[in-house]
C-alpha atoms as a PDB file:
ATOM      1  CA  MET A   1     102.003 123.900  94.378  1.00  0.00           C
ATOM      2  CA  LYS A   2     105.688 124.628  94.173  1.00  0.00           C
ATOM      3  CA  GLN A   3     108.786 122.527  94.797  1.00  0.00           C
ATOM      4  CA  GLN A   4     109.567 124.241  98.110  1.00  0.00           C
ATOM      5  CA  GLN A   5     106.031 123.514  99.373  1.00  0.00           C
ATOM      6  CA  ILE A   6     106.575 119.784  98.788  1.00  0.00           C
ATOM      7  CA  VAL A   7     109.888 119.905 100.686  1.00  0.00           C
ATOM      8  CA  LYS A   8     108.164 121.772 103.519  1.00  0.00           C
ATOM      9  CA  LEU A   9     105.411 119.120 103.685  1.00  0.00           C
ATOM     10  CA  PHE A  10     107.950 116.281 103.534  1.00  0.00           C
ATOM     11  CA  PRO A  11     111.218 117.513 105.103  1.00  0.00           C
ATOM     12  CA  GLU A  12     112.544 113.929 105.046  1.00  0.00           C
ATOM     13  CA  ILE A  13     113.258 114.531 101.337  1.00  0.00           C
ATOM     14  CA  LYS A  14     116.430 116.299 102.518  1.00  0.00           C
ATOM     15  CA  LEU A  15     117.726 112.974 103.907  1.00  0.00           C
ATOM     16  CA  ILE A  16     118.044 111.568 100.374  1.00  0.00           C
ATOM     17  CA  LYS A  17     121.684 111.911  99.327  1.00  0.00           C
ATOM     18  CA  LYS A  18     121.254 111.619  95.549  1.00  0.00           C
ATOM     19  CA  ALA A  19     119.948 114.854  94.026  1.00  0.00           C
ATOM     20  CA  GLU A  20     118.187 113.063  91.164  1.00  0.00           C
ATOM     21  CA  LEU A  21     116.180 110.978  93.648  1.00  0.00           C
ATOM     22  CA  ARG A  22     115.267 114.050  95.717  1.00  0.00           C
ATOM     23  CA  ASP A  23     114.186 115.840  92.550  1.00  0.00           C
ATOM     24  CA  GLY A  24     112.236 112.780  91.368  1.00  0.00           C
ATOM     25  CA  VAL A  25     110.293 112.538  94.625  1.00  0.00           C
ATOM     26  CA  ILE A  26     109.374 116.221  94.380  1.00  0.00           C
ATOM     27  CA  LYS A  27     108.392 115.847  90.715  1.00  0.00           C
ATOM     28  CA  ALA A  28     106.217 112.828  91.530  1.00  0.00           C
ATOM     29  CA  TRP A  29     104.238 114.785  94.122  1.00  0.00           C
ATOM     30  CA  LEU A  30     103.941 117.838  91.857  1.00  0.00           C
ATOM     31  CA  ASN A  31     102.802 115.626  88.966  1.00  0.00           C
ATOM     32  CA  ALA A  32     100.168 113.942  91.145  1.00  0.00           C
ATOM     33  CA  VAL A  33      98.955 117.287  92.523  1.00  0.00           C
ATOM     34  CA  ASP A  34      98.567 118.544  88.961  1.00  0.00           C
ATOM     35  CA  LYS A  35      96.897 115.401  87.585  1.00  0.00           C
ATOM     36  CA  GLY A  36      94.538 115.194  90.564  1.00  0.00           C
ATOM     37  CA  GLY A  37      93.644 118.865  90.285  1.00  0.00           C
ATOM     38  CA  TRP A  38      94.563 119.603  93.909  1.00  0.00           C
ATOM     39  CA  ARG A  39      95.192 123.107  95.254  1.00  0.00           C
ATOM     40  CA  SER A  40      96.209 121.775  98.645  1.00  0.00           C
ATOM     41  CA  ILE A  41      96.886 118.280  99.936  1.00  0.00           C
ATOM     42  CA  ASN A  42      97.190 119.226 103.616  1.00  0.00           C
ATOM     43  CA  ASP A  43      93.817 117.783 104.669  1.00  0.00           C
ATOM     44  CA  LEU A  44      93.753 114.588 102.602  1.00  0.00           C
ATOM     45  CA  PRO A  45      93.090 111.532 104.773  1.00  0.00           C
ATOM     46  CA  PHE A  46      95.632 108.780 104.569  1.00  0.00           C
ATOM     47  CA  THR A  47      92.868 106.218 104.075  1.00  0.00           C
ATOM     48  CA  LEU A  48      89.202 106.178 103.182  1.00  0.00           C
ATOM     49  CA  LEU A  49      88.750 102.738 104.777  1.00  0.00           C
ATOM     50  CA  VAL A  50      88.552 103.951 108.378  1.00  0.00           C
ATOM     51  CA  ASP A  51      88.190 107.434 109.855  1.00  0.00           C
ATOM     52  CA  THR A  52      91.468 107.971 111.683  1.00  0.00           C
ATOM     53  CA  GLY A  53      91.841 111.734 111.545  1.00  0.00           C
ATOM     54  CA  LYS A  54      95.384 111.164 110.279  1.00  0.00           C
ATOM     55  CA  THR A  55      96.385 112.914 107.079  1.00  0.00           C
ATOM     56  CA  LEU A  56      98.165 111.438 104.094  1.00  0.00           C
ATOM     57  CA  ILE A  57     101.109 113.707 104.860  1.00  0.00           C
ATOM     58  CA  GLU A  58     101.325 112.514 108.483  1.00  0.00           C
ATOM     59  CA  HIS A  59     101.091 108.871 107.405  1.00  0.00           C
ATOM     60  CA  THR A  60     103.728 109.306 104.700  1.00  0.00           C
ATOM     61  CA  ARG A  61     106.121 110.963 107.114  1.00  0.00           C
ATOM     62  CA  ILE A  62     105.598 108.256 109.758  1.00  0.00           C
ATOM     63  CA  VAL A  63     106.190 105.456 107.247  1.00  0.00           C
ATOM     64  CA  THR A  64     109.275 107.283 105.973  1.00  0.00           C
ATOM     65  CA  ARG A  65     110.758 107.746 109.440  1.00  0.00           C
ATOM     66  CA  MET A  66     110.054 104.119 110.434  1.00  0.00           C
ATOM     67  CA  ALA A  67     111.593 102.853 107.194  1.00  0.00           C
ATOM     68  CA  TYR A  68     114.612 105.143 107.604  1.00  0.00           C
ATOM     69  CA  ALA A  69     115.183 103.801 111.136  1.00  0.00           C
ATOM     70  CA  ILE A  70     115.155 100.249 109.809  1.00  0.00           C
ATOM     71  CA  ALA A  71     117.386 101.084 106.839  1.00  0.00           C
ATOM     72  CA  THR A  72     120.010 102.734 109.037  1.00  0.00           C
ATOM     73  CA  GLU A  73     120.181  99.600 111.209  1.00  0.00           C
ATOM     74  CA  ARG A  74     120.830  97.280 108.281  1.00  0.00           C
ATOM     75  CA  SER A  75     123.811  97.194 105.951  1.00  0.00           C
ATOM     76  CA  ASP A  76     121.994  95.469 103.083  1.00  0.00           C
ATOM     77  CA  LEU A  77     119.462  98.180 102.188  1.00  0.00           C
ATOM     78  CA  ASN A  78     119.822 101.158  99.880  1.00  0.00           C
ATOM     79  CA  ILE A  79     118.828 104.012 102.194  1.00  0.00           C
ATOM     80  CA  ASP A  80     118.128 106.475  99.373  1.00  0.00           C
ATOM     81  CA  ILE A  81     115.816 103.969  97.652  1.00  0.00           C
ATOM     82  CA  VAL A  82     114.046 103.262 100.956  1.00  0.00           C
ATOM     83  CA  LEU A  83     113.547 106.977 101.609  1.00  0.00           C
ATOM     84  CA  ALA A  84     112.373 107.768  98.078  1.00  0.00           C
ATOM     85  CA  GLY A  85     110.037 104.751  98.034  1.00  0.00           C
ATOM     86  CA  ALA A  86     108.560 105.614 101.418  1.00  0.00           C
ATOM     87  CA  LEU A  87     108.010 109.230 100.428  1.00  0.00           C
ATOM     88  CA  VAL A  88     106.108 108.330  97.249  1.00  0.00           C
ATOM     89  CA  HIS A  89     104.465 105.054  98.258  1.00  0.00           C
ATOM     90  CA  ASP A  90     101.010 106.694  98.414  1.00  0.00           C
ATOM     91  CA  VAL A  91     101.464 109.426  95.783  1.00  0.00           C
ATOM     92  CA  GLY A  92      98.833 107.697  93.625  1.00  0.00           C
ATOM     93  CA  LYS A  93      96.183 108.554  96.202  1.00  0.00           C
ATOM     94  CA  LEU A  94      96.085 112.021  94.669  1.00  0.00           C
ATOM     95  CA  LEU A  95      94.482 110.353  91.641  1.00  0.00           C
ATOM     96  CA  GLU A  96      92.459 107.845  93.671  1.00  0.00           C
ATOM     97  CA  TYR A  97      90.796 110.601  95.732  1.00  0.00           C
ATOM     98  CA  THR A  98      88.749 113.649  94.816  1.00  0.00           C
ATOM     99  CA  ARG A  99      87.081 116.449  96.728  1.00  0.00           C
ATOM    100  CA  LYS A 100      83.275 116.409  96.657  1.00  0.00           C
ATOM    101  CA  GLY A 101      82.086 119.465  98.530  1.00  0.00           C
ATOM    102  CA  LYS A 102      83.835 119.290 101.894  1.00  0.00           C
ATOM    103  CA  GLN A 103      84.416 115.535 101.674  1.00  0.00           C
ATOM    104  CA  ILE A 104      87.273 113.525 100.215  1.00  0.00           C
ATOM    105  CA  VAL A 105      85.901 110.506  98.345  1.00  0.00           C
ATOM    106  CA  LYS A 106      87.096 107.911  95.859  1.00  0.00           C
ATOM    107  CA  SER A 107      87.367 109.455  92.404  1.00  0.00           C
ATOM    108  CA  ASP A 108      85.976 107.871  89.253  1.00  0.00           C
ATOM    109  CA  TYR A 109      89.602 107.146  88.322  1.00  0.00           C
ATOM    110  CA  GLY A 110      90.191 105.627  91.760  1.00  0.00           C
ATOM    111  CA  LYS A 111      87.206 103.309  91.345  1.00  0.00           C
ATOM    112  CA  MET A 112      89.055 101.722  88.422  1.00  0.00           C
ATOM    113  CA  VAL A 113      92.748 102.114  89.344  1.00  0.00           C
ATOM    114  CA  ARG A 114      94.151 101.811  92.863  1.00  0.00           C
ATOM    115  CA  HIS A 115      96.932 104.063  94.087  1.00  0.00           C
ATOM    116  CA  PRO A 116      99.801 101.524  93.881  1.00  0.00           C
ATOM    117  CA  VAL A 117      99.200 101.230  90.130  1.00  0.00           C
ATOM    118  CA  SER A 118      98.727 104.948  89.442  1.00  0.00           C
ATOM    119  CA  GLY A 119     101.650 105.792  91.742  1.00  0.00           C
ATOM    120  CA  TYR A 120     103.893 103.353  89.871  1.00  0.00           C
ATOM    121  CA  GLY A 121     103.018 105.120  86.627  1.00  0.00           C
ATOM    122  CA  ILE A 122     103.685 108.556  88.106  1.00  0.00           C
ATOM    123  CA  CYS A 123     107.097 107.434  89.362  1.00  0.00           C
ATOM    124  CA  LEU A 124     108.171 106.147  85.964  1.00  0.00           C
ATOM    125  CA  GLU A 125     106.689 109.180  84.206  1.00  0.00           C
ATOM    126  CA  VAL A 126     108.839 111.588  86.224  1.00  0.00           C
ATOM    127  CA  GLY A 127     111.978 109.483  85.809  1.00  0.00           C
ATOM    128  CA  LEU A 128     112.279 107.803  89.192  1.00  0.00           C
ATOM    129  CA  PRO A 129     114.214 104.526  88.904  1.00  0.00           C
ATOM    130  CA  LEU A 130     112.431 101.181  88.685  1.00  0.00           C
ATOM    131  CA  PRO A 131     113.430 100.137  92.248  1.00  0.00           C
ATOM    132  CA  VAL A 132     111.462 103.125  93.611  1.00  0.00           C
ATOM    133  CA  ALA A 133     108.491 102.509  91.299  1.00  0.00           C
ATOM    134  CA  HIS A 134     108.591  98.831  92.351  1.00  0.00           C
ATOM    135  CA  ILE A 135     108.207  99.863  96.007  1.00  0.00           C
ATOM    136  CA  VAL A 136     105.108 101.879  95.113  1.00  0.00           C
ATOM    137  CA  ALA A 137     103.572  99.051  93.071  1.00  0.00           C
ATOM    138  CA  ALA A 138     104.404  96.431  95.710  1.00  0.00           C
ATOM    139  CA  HIS A 139     103.643  98.286  98.964  1.00  0.00           C
ATOM    140  CA  SER A 140     100.023  97.131  99.237  1.00  0.00           C
ATOM    141  CA  VAL A 141      98.068  93.965  98.436  1.00  0.00           C
ATOM    142  CA  GLU A 142      98.995  94.328  94.760  1.00  0.00           C
ATOM    143  CA  GLY A 143     102.532  93.454  95.801  1.00  0.00           C
ATOM    144  CA  ASP A 144     101.473  90.079  97.158  1.00  0.00           C
ATOM    145  CA  LYS A 145     101.698  88.766  93.579  1.00  0.00           C
ATOM    146  CA  VAL A 146     105.350  89.774  92.991  1.00  0.00           C
ATOM    147  CA  LYS A 147     108.710  89.170  94.623  1.00  0.00           C
ATOM    148  CA  ARG A 148     109.311  92.292  96.668  1.00  0.00           C
ATOM    149  CA  SER A 149     112.780  93.801  96.863  1.00  0.00           C
ATOM    150  CA  LYS A 150     114.267  94.114 100.355  1.00  0.00           C
ATOM    151  CA  GLU A 151     113.440  97.815 100.305  1.00  0.00           C
ATOM    152  CA  ALA A 152     109.847  97.095  99.239  1.00  0.00           C
ATOM    153  CA  VAL A 153     109.456  94.640 102.137  1.00  0.00           C
ATOM    154  CA  VAL A 154     110.404  97.421 104.557  1.00  0.00           C
ATOM    155  CA  ILE A 155     107.886  99.891 103.105  1.00  0.00           C
ATOM    156  CA  ASN A 156     105.139  97.260 102.917  1.00  0.00           C
ATOM    157  CA  HIS A 157     105.554  96.427 106.606  1.00  0.00           C
ATOM    158  CA  CYS A 158     105.923 100.022 107.790  1.00  0.00           C
ATOM    159  CA  ASP A 159     102.809 100.996 105.832  1.00  0.00           C
ATOM    160  CA  PHE A 160     100.754  98.199 107.361  1.00  0.00           C
ATOM    161  CA  ILE A 161     102.117  98.808 110.855  1.00  0.00           C
ATOM    162  CA  ASP A 162     100.806 102.365 110.710  1.00  0.00           C
ATOM    163  CA  PHE A 163      97.509 101.330 109.084  1.00  0.00           C
ATOM    164  CA  ASP A 164      96.858  98.432 111.476  1.00  0.00           C
ATOM    165  CA  ILE A 165      97.567 100.532 114.561  1.00  0.00           C
ATOM    166  CA  GLU A 166      95.172 103.226 113.324  1.00  0.00           C
ATOM    167  CA  LYS A 167      92.524 100.674 112.369  1.00  0.00           C
ATOM    168  CA  ASN A 168      92.700  98.993 115.768  1.00  0.00           C
ATOM    169  CA  LYS A 169      92.239 102.281 117.669  1.00  0.00           C
ATOM    170  CA  LYS A 170      88.527 102.162 116.797  1.00  0.00           C
END
């Protein structure tokens, strides 16, 4: 995959004002695509816990837009950090998942390391700042053991709003 393909999949990247954060988000996705051995990420499910029909890309964009709406209503949040964190919060799923035939299943790596942990590592590896990596590490149940930043609270709630609504459709 190329940089422009990532921007096309996640046009919300363009809302990030700081170029180094935009570039870091793109690098994180490209790094995860490479490490996970993916040719395309268009059909990856956003969760393996329930069959929602929603893709990882759709989920990521919804969480990003919800978080952006919240961040623009508050004066005490760093909008660029919120956007970057939302855009990469599930980037580790590219290591947690693998393709087995026509199915997407949990990878051997994913059986040992969940996506918030692998995503945190990817963020730091590509040079994203600690506040963004913190959002990734703290966005799921793993974050229940740490003090979440204000921006991480937003992503955590937006992520679970989308997940819970999907889960309760069944």
